[in-house]
Amino acid sequence: MKNKVSDVRDHLVAMLERLGDDNLSADEMNQVIERAKTTTMVATTYIGAVKVELDAIRLMDETGKLATAVGAPQQAPALTQGRP
């Protein structure tokens, strides 16, 4: 995993696809379900941390101040052309 939200999304979609596989035995499906539960917990924690970082960046943009517990954000590349 490359530590990006898009990678988490891709992993979750792959897990959903695996859960929909009708060719799995009952034992295999139970293993997939347990793995999906664990993946969900980890992904939820990761996404929550990303939200906190985004809130910190917004606060810095609004106030010019950043809590000392939060590292300075890195410059992200522009998402679309013509947008800074």
PDB file of N, CA and C in Angstrom:
ATOM      1  N   MET A   1       0.847  -1.177   0.000  1.00  0.00           N
ATOM      2  CA  MET A   1       0.000   0.000   0.000  1.00  0.00           C
ATOM      3  C   MET A   1       0.893   1.241   0.000  1.00  0.00           C
ATOM      4  N   LYS A   2       0.442   2.282  -0.657  1.00  0.00           N
ATOM      5  CA  LYS A   2       1.252   3.484  -0.828  1.00  0.00           C
ATOM      6  C   LYS A   2       0.851   4.598   0.126  1.00  0.00           C
ATOM      7  N   ASN A   3       0.046   4.280   1.127  1.00  0.00           N
ATOM      8  CA  ASN A   3      -0.350   5.248   2.136  1.00  0.00           C
ATOM      9  C   ASN A   3      -1.131   6.431   1.575  1.00  0.00           C
ATOM     10  N   LYS A   4      -2.010   6.166   0.623  1.00  0.00           N
ATOM     11  CA  LYS A   4      -2.883   7.196   0.073  1.00  0.00           C
ATOM     12  C   LYS A   4      -4.323   6.742   0.273  1.00  0.00           C
ATOM     13  N   VAL A   5      -5.220   7.711   0.389  1.00  0.00           N
ATOM     14  CA  VAL A   5      -6.625   7.384   0.563  1.00  0.00           C
ATOM     15  C   VAL A   5      -7.141   6.586  -0.634  1.00  0.00           C
ATOM     16  N   SER A   6      -6.657   6.896  -1.828  1.00  0.00           N
ATOM     17  CA  SER A   6      -7.101   6.159  -3.009  1.00  0.00           C
ATOM     18  C   SER A   6      -6.710   4.678  -2.909  1.00  0.00           C
ATOM     19  N   ASP A   7      -5.578   4.387  -2.294  1.00  0.00           N
ATOM     20  CA  ASP A   7      -5.163   2.993  -2.106  1.00  0.00           C
ATOM     21  C   ASP A   7      -6.088   2.279  -1.122  1.00  0.00           C
ATOM     22  N   VAL A   8      -6.489   2.990  -0.073  1.00  0.00           N
ATOM     23  CA  VAL A   8      -7.435   2.407   0.889  1.00  0.00           C
ATOM     24  C   VAL A   8      -8.753   2.100   0.179  1.00  0.00           C
ATOM     25  N   ARG A   9      -9.221   3.055  -0.621  1.00  0.00           N
ATOM     26  CA  ARG A   9     -10.472   2.851  -1.366  1.00  0.00           C
ATOM     27  C   ARG A   9     -10.361   1.636  -2.285  1.00  0.00           C
ATOM     28  N   ASP A  10      -9.264   1.539  -3.023  1.00  0.00           N
ATOM     29  CA  ASP A  10      -9.071   0.405  -3.928  1.00  0.00           C
ATOM     30  C   ASP A  10      -9.069  -0.920  -3.169  1.00  0.00           C
ATOM     31  N   HIS A  11      -8.431  -0.935  -2.025  1.00  0.00           N
ATOM     32  CA  HIS A  11      -8.367  -2.154  -1.221  1.00  0.00           C
ATOM     33  C   HIS A  11      -9.766  -2.541  -0.717  1.00  0.00           C
ATOM     34  N   LEU A  12     -10.549  -1.549  -0.297  1.00  0.00           N
ATOM     35  CA  LEU A  12     -11.899  -1.830   0.194  1.00  0.00           C
ATOM     36  C   LEU A  12     -12.805  -2.348  -0.926  1.00  0.00           C
ATOM     37  N   VAL A  13     -12.671  -1.771  -2.116  1.00  0.00           N
ATOM     38  CA  VAL A  13     -13.463  -2.248  -3.254  1.00  0.00           C
ATOM     39  C   VAL A  13     -13.074  -3.689  -3.605  1.00  0.00           C
ATOM     40  N   ALA A  14     -11.794  -3.988  -3.570  1.00  0.00           N
ATOM     41  CA  ALA A  14     -11.345  -5.357  -3.840  1.00  0.00           C
ATOM     42  C   ALA A  14     -11.923  -6.321  -2.802  1.00  0.00           C
ATOM     43  N   MET A  15     -11.987  -5.868  -1.558  1.00  0.00           N
ATOM     44  CA  MET A  15     -12.556  -6.698  -0.494  1.00  0.00           C
ATOM     45  C   MET A  15     -14.042  -6.929  -0.747  1.00  0.00           C
ATOM     46  N   LEU A  16     -14.761  -5.902  -1.188  1.00  0.00           N
ATOM     47  CA  LEU A  16     -16.177  -6.067  -1.521  1.00  0.00           C
ATOM     48  C   LEU A  16     -16.371  -7.075  -2.655  1.00  0.00           C
ATOM     49  N   GLU A  17     -15.498  -6.994  -3.641  1.00  0.00           N
ATOM     50  CA  GLU A  17     -15.587  -7.937  -4.751  1.00  0.00           C
ATOM     51  C   GLU A  17     -15.365  -9.369  -4.270  1.00  0.00           C
ATOM     52  N   ARG A  18     -14.427  -9.526  -3.374  1.00  0.00           N
ATOM     53  CA  ARG A  18     -14.137 -10.866  -2.831  1.00  0.00           C
ATOM     54  C   ARG A  18     -15.325 -11.386  -2.028  1.00  0.00           C
ATOM     55  N   LEU A  19     -15.986 -10.494  -1.281  1.00  0.00           N
ATOM     56  CA  LEU A  19     -17.162 -10.901  -0.510  1.00  0.00           C
ATOM     57  C   LEU A  19     -18.309 -11.347  -1.419  1.00  0.00           C
ATOM     58  N   GLY A  20     -18.342 -10.836  -2.634  1.00  0.00           N
ATOM     59  CA  GLY A  20     -19.389 -11.193  -3.579  1.00  0.00           C
ATOM     60  C   GLY A  20     -19.086 -12.416  -4.419  1.00  0.00           C
ATOM     61  N   ASP A  21     -17.961 -13.065  -4.162  1.00  0.00           N
ATOM     62  CA  ASP A  21     -17.560 -14.239  -4.937  1.00  0.00           C
ATOM     63  C   ASP A  21     -18.410 -15.446  -4.535  1.00  0.00           C
ATOM     64  N   ASP A  22     -19.261 -15.897  -5.441  1.00  0.00           N
ATOM     65  CA  ASP A  22     -20.145 -17.026  -5.162  1.00  0.00           C
ATOM     66  C   ASP A  22     -19.429 -18.376  -5.204  1.00  0.00           C
ATOM     67  N   ASN A  23     -18.193 -18.400  -5.649  1.00  0.00           N
ATOM     68  CA  ASN A  23     -17.460 -19.662  -5.796  1.00  0.00           C
ATOM     69  C   ASN A  23     -16.663 -20.047  -4.550  1.00  0.00           C
ATOM     70  N   LEU A  24     -16.757 -19.266  -3.489  1.00  0.00           N
ATOM     71  CA  LEU A  24     -16.005 -19.573  -2.273  1.00  0.00           C
ATOM     72  C   LEU A  24     -16.749 -20.600  -1.435  1.00  0.00           C
ATOM     73  N   SER A  25     -15.984 -21.476  -0.803  1.00  0.00           N
ATOM     74  CA  SER A  25     -16.586 -22.421   0.137  1.00  0.00           C
ATOM     75  C   SER A  25     -16.995 -21.652   1.397  1.00  0.00           C
ATOM     76  N   ALA A  26     -17.771 -22.298   2.250  1.00  0.00           N
ATOM     77  CA  ALA A  26     -18.218 -21.658   3.491  1.00  0.00           C
ATOM     78  C   ALA A  26     -17.026 -21.263   4.358  1.00  0.00           C
ATOM     79  N   ASP A  27     -16.016 -22.136   4.418  1.00  0.00           N
ATOM     80  CA  ASP A  27     -14.824 -21.841   5.219  1.00  0.00           C
ATOM     81  C   ASP A  27     -14.055 -20.654   4.640  1.00  0.00           C
ATOM     82  N   GLU A  28     -13.890 -20.647   3.315  1.00  0.00           N
ATOM     83  CA  GLU A  28     -13.202 -19.521   2.669  1.00  0.00           C
ATOM     84  C   GLU A  28     -13.963 -18.220   2.887  1.00  0.00           C
ATOM     85  N   MET A  29     -15.291 -18.281   2.785  1.00  0.00           N
ATOM     86  CA  MET A  29     -16.106 -17.077   2.984  1.00  0.00           C
ATOM     87  C   MET A  29     -15.969 -16.566   4.410  1.00  0.00           C
ATOM     88  N   ASN A  30     -15.934 -17.470   5.391  1.00  0.00           N
ATOM     89  CA  ASN A  30     -15.741 -17.047   6.781  1.00  0.00           C
ATOM     90  C   ASN A  30     -14.400 -16.342   6.954  1.00  0.00           C
ATOM     91  N   GLN A  31     -13.355 -16.852   6.306  1.00  0.00           N
ATOM     92  CA  GLN A  31     -12.047 -16.210   6.379  1.00  0.00           C
ATOM     93  C   GLN A  31     -12.081 -14.830   5.732  1.00  0.00           C
ATOM     94  N   VAL A  32     -12.758 -14.720   4.600  1.00  0.00           N
ATOM     95  CA  VAL A  32     -12.866 -13.437   3.904  1.00  0.00           C
ATOM     96  C   VAL A  32     -13.641 -12.444   4.769  1.00  0.00           C
ATOM     97  N   ILE A  33     -14.698 -12.906   5.400  1.00  0.00           N
ATOM     98  CA  ILE A  33     -15.499 -12.026   6.261  1.00  0.00           C
ATOM     99  C   ILE A  33     -14.665 -11.518   7.431  1.00  0.00           C
ATOM    100  N   GLU A  34     -13.910 -12.398   8.071  1.00  0.00           N
ATOM    101  CA  GLU A  34     -13.068 -11.969   9.197  1.00  0.00           C
ATOM    102  C   GLU A  34     -12.016 -10.964   8.732  1.00  0.00           C
ATOM    103  N   ARG A  35     -11.426 -11.221   7.581  1.00  0.00           N
ATOM    104  CA  ARG A  35     -10.432 -10.293   7.044  1.00  0.00           C
ATOM    105  C   ARG A  35     -11.083  -8.950   6.701  1.00  0.00           C
ATOM    106  N   ALA A  36     -12.289  -8.993   6.159  1.00  0.00           N
ATOM    107  CA  ALA A  36     -13.007  -7.764   5.823  1.00  0.00           C
ATOM    108  C   ALA A  36     -13.300  -6.946   7.083  1.00  0.00           C
ATOM    109  N   LYS A  37     -13.655  -7.612   8.157  1.00  0.00           N
ATOM    110  CA  LYS A  37     -13.913  -6.908   9.421  1.00  0.00           C
ATOM    111  C   LYS A  37     -12.648  -6.200   9.907  1.00  0.00           C
ATOM    112  N   THR A  38     -11.541  -6.909   9.870  1.00  0.00           N
ATOM    113  CA  THR A  38     -10.265  -6.327  10.290  1.00  0.00           C
ATOM    114  C   THR A  38      -9.868  -5.172   9.378  1.00  0.00           C
ATOM    115  N   THR A  39     -10.014  -5.379   8.082  1.00  0.00           N
ATOM    116  CA  THR A  39      -9.683  -4.331   7.109  1.00  0.00           C
ATOM    117  C   THR A  39     -10.530  -3.086   7.364  1.00  0.00           C
ATOM    118  N   THR A  40     -11.803  -3.286   7.654  1.00  0.00           N
ATOM    119  CA  THR A  40     -12.701  -2.166   7.924  1.00  0.00           C
ATOM    120  C   THR A  40     -12.248  -1.377   9.143  1.00  0.00           C
ATOM    121  N   MET A  41     -11.848  -2.070  10.194  1.00  0.00           N
ATOM    122  CA  MET A  41     -11.382  -1.367  11.393  1.00  0.00           C
ATOM    123  C   MET A  41     -10.135  -0.544  11.103  1.00  0.00           C
ATOM    124  N   VAL A  42      -9.188  -1.129  10.385  1.00  0.00           N
ATOM    125  CA  VAL A  42      -7.948  -0.423  10.065  1.00  0.00           C
ATOM    126  C   VAL A  42      -8.230   0.760   9.145  1.00  0.00           C
ATOM    127  N   ALA A  43      -9.058   0.544   8.123  1.00  0.00           N
ATOM    128  CA  ALA A  43      -9.378   1.615   7.174  1.00  0.00           C
ATOM    129  C   ALA A  43     -10.116   2.753   7.867  1.00  0.00           C
ATOM    130  N   THR A  44     -11.012   2.430   8.775  1.00  0.00           N
ATOM    131  CA  THR A  44     -11.740   3.460   9.515  1.00  0.00           C
ATOM    132  C   THR A  44     -10.787   4.323  10.334  1.00  0.00           C
ATOM    133  N   THR A  45      -9.830   3.687  10.982  1.00  0.00           N
ATOM    134  CA  THR A  45      -8.837   4.424  11.764  1.00  0.00           C
ATOM    135  C   THR A  45      -7.982   5.303  10.867  1.00  0.00           C
ATOM    136  N   TYR A  46      -7.554   4.771   9.735  1.00  0.00           N
ATOM    137  CA  TYR A  46      -6.725   5.526   8.790  1.00  0.00           C
ATOM    138  C   TYR A  46      -7.484   6.733   8.251  1.00  0.00           C
ATOM    139  N   ILE A  47      -8.719   6.521   7.838  1.00  0.00           N
ATOM    140  CA  ILE A  47      -9.513   7.607   7.283  1.00  0.00           C
ATOM    141  C   ILE A  47      -9.778   8.673   8.348  1.00  0.00           C
ATOM    142  N   GLY A  48     -10.005   8.254   9.583  1.00  0.00           N
ATOM    143  CA  GLY A  48     -10.173   9.219  10.675  1.00  0.00           C
ATOM    144  C   GLY A  48      -8.929  10.074  10.873  1.00  0.00           C
ATOM    145  N   ALA A  49      -7.761   9.458  10.769  1.00  0.00           N
ATOM    146  CA  ALA A  49      -6.506  10.209  10.907  1.00  0.00           C
ATOM    147  C   ALA A  49      -6.340  11.207   9.765  1.00  0.00           C
ATOM    148  N   VAL A  50      -6.714  10.806   8.567  1.00  0.00           N
ATOM    149  CA  VAL A  50      -6.630  11.717   7.417  1.00  0.00           C
ATOM    150  C   VAL A  50      -7.565  12.905   7.625  1.00  0.00           C
ATOM    151  N   LYS A  51      -8.761  12.659   8.156  1.00  0.00           N
ATOM    152  CA  LYS A  51      -9.708  13.750   8.422  1.00  0.00           C
ATOM    153  C   LYS A  51      -9.124  14.738   9.420  1.00  0.00           C
ATOM    154  N   VAL A  52      -8.458  14.238  10.454  1.00  0.00           N
ATOM    155  CA  VAL A  52      -7.833  15.119  11.441  1.00  0.00           C
ATOM    156  C   VAL A  52      -6.754  15.981  10.776  1.00  0.00           C
ATOM    157  N   GLU A  53      -5.966  15.365   9.904  1.00  0.00           N
ATOM    158  CA  GLU A  53      -4.935  16.123   9.194  1.00  0.00           C
ATOM    159  C   GLU A  53      -5.561  17.215   8.324  1.00  0.00           C
ATOM    160  N   LEU A  54      -6.634  16.884   7.630  1.00  0.00           N
ATOM    161  CA  LEU A  54      -7.301  17.878   6.786  1.00  0.00           C
ATOM    162  C   LEU A  54      -7.875  19.012   7.628  1.00  0.00           C
ATOM    163  N   ASP A  55      -8.446  18.680   8.781  1.00  0.00           N
ATOM    164  CA  ASP A  55      -8.947  19.723   9.688  1.00  0.00           C
ATOM    165  C   ASP A  55      -7.814  20.628  10.151  1.00  0.00           C
ATOM    166  N   ALA A  56      -6.657  20.049  10.446  1.00  0.00           N
ATOM    167  CA  ALA A  56      -5.504  20.839  10.868  1.00  0.00           C
ATOM    168  C   ALA A  56      -5.038  21.764   9.749  1.00  0.00           C
ATOM    169  N   ILE A  57      -5.038  21.270   8.523  1.00  0.00           N
ATOM    170  CA  ILE A  57      -4.636  22.093   7.379  1.00  0.00           C
ATOM    171  C   ILE A  57      -5.626  23.237   7.184  1.00  0.00           C
ATOM    172  N   ARG A  58      -6.923  22.951   7.308  1.00  0.00           N
ATOM    173  CA  ARG A  58      -7.934  24.010   7.188  1.00  0.00           C
ATOM    174  C   ARG A  58      -7.735  25.068   8.271  1.00  0.00           C
ATOM    175  N   LEU A  59      -7.461  24.633   9.493  1.00  0.00           N
ATOM    176  CA  LEU A  59      -7.230  25.561  10.590  1.00  0.00           C
ATOM    177  C   LEU A  59      -6.024  26.439  10.299  1.00  0.00           C
ATOM    178  N   MET A  60      -4.974  25.846   9.765  1.00  0.00           N
ATOM    179  CA  MET A  60      -3.783  26.617   9.418  1.00  0.00           C
ATOM    180  C   MET A  60      -4.107  27.634   8.318  1.00  0.00           C
ATOM    181  N   ASP A  61      -4.886  27.218   7.327  1.00  0.00           N
ATOM    182  CA  ASP A  61      -5.276  28.141   6.262  1.00  0.00           C
ATOM    183  C   ASP A  61      -6.091  29.314   6.804  1.00  0.00           C
ATOM    184  N   GLU A  62      -6.974  29.033   7.775  1.00  0.00           N
ATOM    185  CA  GLU A  62      -7.850  30.061   8.321  1.00  0.00           C
ATOM    186  C   GLU A  62      -7.156  30.972   9.323  1.00  0.00           C
ATOM    187  N   THR A  63      -6.264  30.412  10.138  1.00  0.00           N
ATOM    188  CA  THR A  63      -5.679  31.189  11.234  1.00  0.00           C
ATOM    189  C   THR A  63      -4.195  31.469  11.076  1.00  0.00           C
ATOM    190  N   GLY A  64      -3.537  30.715  10.209  1.00  0.00           N
ATOM    191  CA  GLY A  64      -2.093  30.852  10.073  1.00  0.00           C
ATOM    192  C   GLY A  64      -1.336  30.161  11.197  1.00  0.00           C
ATOM    193  N   LYS A  65      -2.060  29.445  12.060  1.00  0.00           N
ATOM    194  CA  LYS A  65      -1.439  28.746  13.182  1.00  0.00           C
ATOM    195  C   LYS A  65      -1.724  27.265  13.069  1.00  0.00           C
ATOM    196  N   LEU A  66      -0.791  26.486  13.580  1.00  0.00           N
ATOM    197  CA  LEU A  66      -0.927  25.038  13.545  1.00  0.00           C
ATOM    198  C   LEU A  66      -0.505  24.491  14.903  1.00  0.00           C
ATOM    199  N   ALA A  67      -1.279  23.565  15.427  1.00  0.00           N
ATOM    200  CA  ALA A  67      -0.935  22.954  16.709  1.00  0.00           C
ATOM    201  C   ALA A  67       0.436  22.302  16.615  1.00  0.00           C
ATOM    202  N   THR A  68       1.215  22.387  17.675  1.00  0.00           N
ATOM    203  CA  THR A  68       2.569  21.838  17.649  1.00  0.00           C
ATOM    204  C   THR A  68       2.575  20.322  17.483  1.00  0.00           C
ATOM    205  N   ALA A  69       1.481  19.665  17.840  1.00  0.00           N
ATOM    206  CA  ALA A  69       1.407  18.208  17.703  1.00  0.00           C
ATOM    207  C   ALA A  69       1.234  17.772  16.255  1.00  0.00           C
ATOM    208  N   VAL A  70       0.914  18.706  15.388  1.00  0.00           N
ATOM    209  CA  VAL A  70       0.679  18.390  13.982  1.00  0.00           C
ATOM    210  C   VAL A  70       1.846  18.908  13.162  1.00  0.00           C
ATOM    211  N   GLY A  71       2.415  18.054  12.345  1.00  0.00           N
ATOM    212  CA  GLY A  71       3.509  18.476  11.477  1.00  0.00           C
ATOM    213  C   GLY A  71       2.992  19.387  10.374  1.00  0.00           C
ATOM    214  N   ALA A  72       3.854  20.201   9.840  1.00  0.00           N
ATOM    215  CA  ALA A  72       3.466  21.089   8.749  1.00  0.00           C
ATOM    216  C   ALA A  72       3.050  20.265   7.534  1.00  0.00           C
ATOM    217  N   PRO A  73       1.969  20.659   6.877  1.00  0.00           N
ATOM    218  CA  PRO A  73       1.520  19.896   5.701  1.00  0.00           C
ATOM    219  C   PRO A  73       2.485  20.050   4.544  1.00  0.00           C
ATOM    220  N   GLN A  74       2.548  19.008   3.724  1.00  0.00           N
ATOM    221  CA  GLN A  74       3.367  19.065   2.529  1.00  0.00           C
ATOM    222  C   GLN A  74       2.529  19.641   1.403  1.00  0.00           C
ATOM    223  N   GLN A  75       3.191  20.253   0.446  1.00  0.00           N
ATOM    224  CA  GLN A  75       2.491  20.805  -0.703  1.00  0.00           C
ATOM    225  C   GLN A  75       1.990  19.660  -1.571  1.00  0.00           C
ATOM    226  N   ALA A  76       0.699  19.609  -1.813  1.00  0.00           N
ATOM    227  CA  ALA A  76       0.121  18.566  -2.660  1.00  0.00           C
ATOM    228  C   ALA A  76       0.084  19.050  -4.100  1.00  0.00           C
ATOM    229  N   PRO A  77       0.243  18.157  -5.058  1.00  0.00           N
ATOM    230  CA  PRO A  77       0.144  18.573  -6.458  1.00  0.00           C
ATOM    231  C   PRO A  77      -1.289  18.964  -6.789  1.00  0.00           C
ATOM    232  N   ALA A  78      -1.461  19.835  -7.784  1.00  0.00           N
ATOM    233  CA  ALA A  78      -2.783  20.254  -8.195  1.00  0.00           C
ATOM    234  C   ALA A  78      -3.564  19.050  -8.694  1.00  0.00           C
ATOM    235  N   LEU A  79      -4.849  19.002  -8.340  1.00  0.00           N
ATOM    236  CA  LEU A  79      -5.694  17.879  -8.722  1.00  0.00           C
ATOM    237  C   LEU A  79      -6.214  17.995 -10.153  1.00  0.00           C
ATOM    238  N   THR A  80      -6.465  19.207 -10.594  1.00  0.00           N
ATOM    239  CA  THR A  80      -6.950  19.414 -11.958  1.00  0.00           C
ATOM    240  C   THR A  80      -6.185  20.548 -12.590  1.00  0.00           C
ATOM    241  N   GLN A  81      -6.191  20.589 -13.894  1.00  0.00           N
ATOM    242  CA  GLN A  81      -5.480  21.655 -14.597  1.00  0.00           C
ATOM    243  C   GLN A  81      -6.186  22.982 -14.330  1.00  0.00           C
ATOM    244  N   GLY A  82      -5.406  24.028 -14.258  1.00  0.00           N
ATOM    245  CA  GLY A  82      -5.948  25.351 -14.059  1.00  0.00           C
ATOM    246  C   GLY A  82      -6.292  25.666 -12.613  1.00  0.00           C
ATOM    247  N   ARG A  83      -6.060  24.688 -11.742  1.00  0.00           N
ATOM    248  CA  ARG A  83      -6.328  24.887 -10.322  1.00  0.00           C
ATOM    249  C   ARG A  83      -5.003  24.898  -9.575  1.00  0.00           C
ATOM    250  N   PRO A  84      -4.779  25.863  -8.697  1.00  0.00           N
ATOM    251  CA  PRO A  84      -3.502  25.897  -7.964  1.00  0.00           C
ATOM    252  C   PRO A  84      -3.345  24.750  -7.002  1.00  0.00           C
TER     253      PRO A  84
END
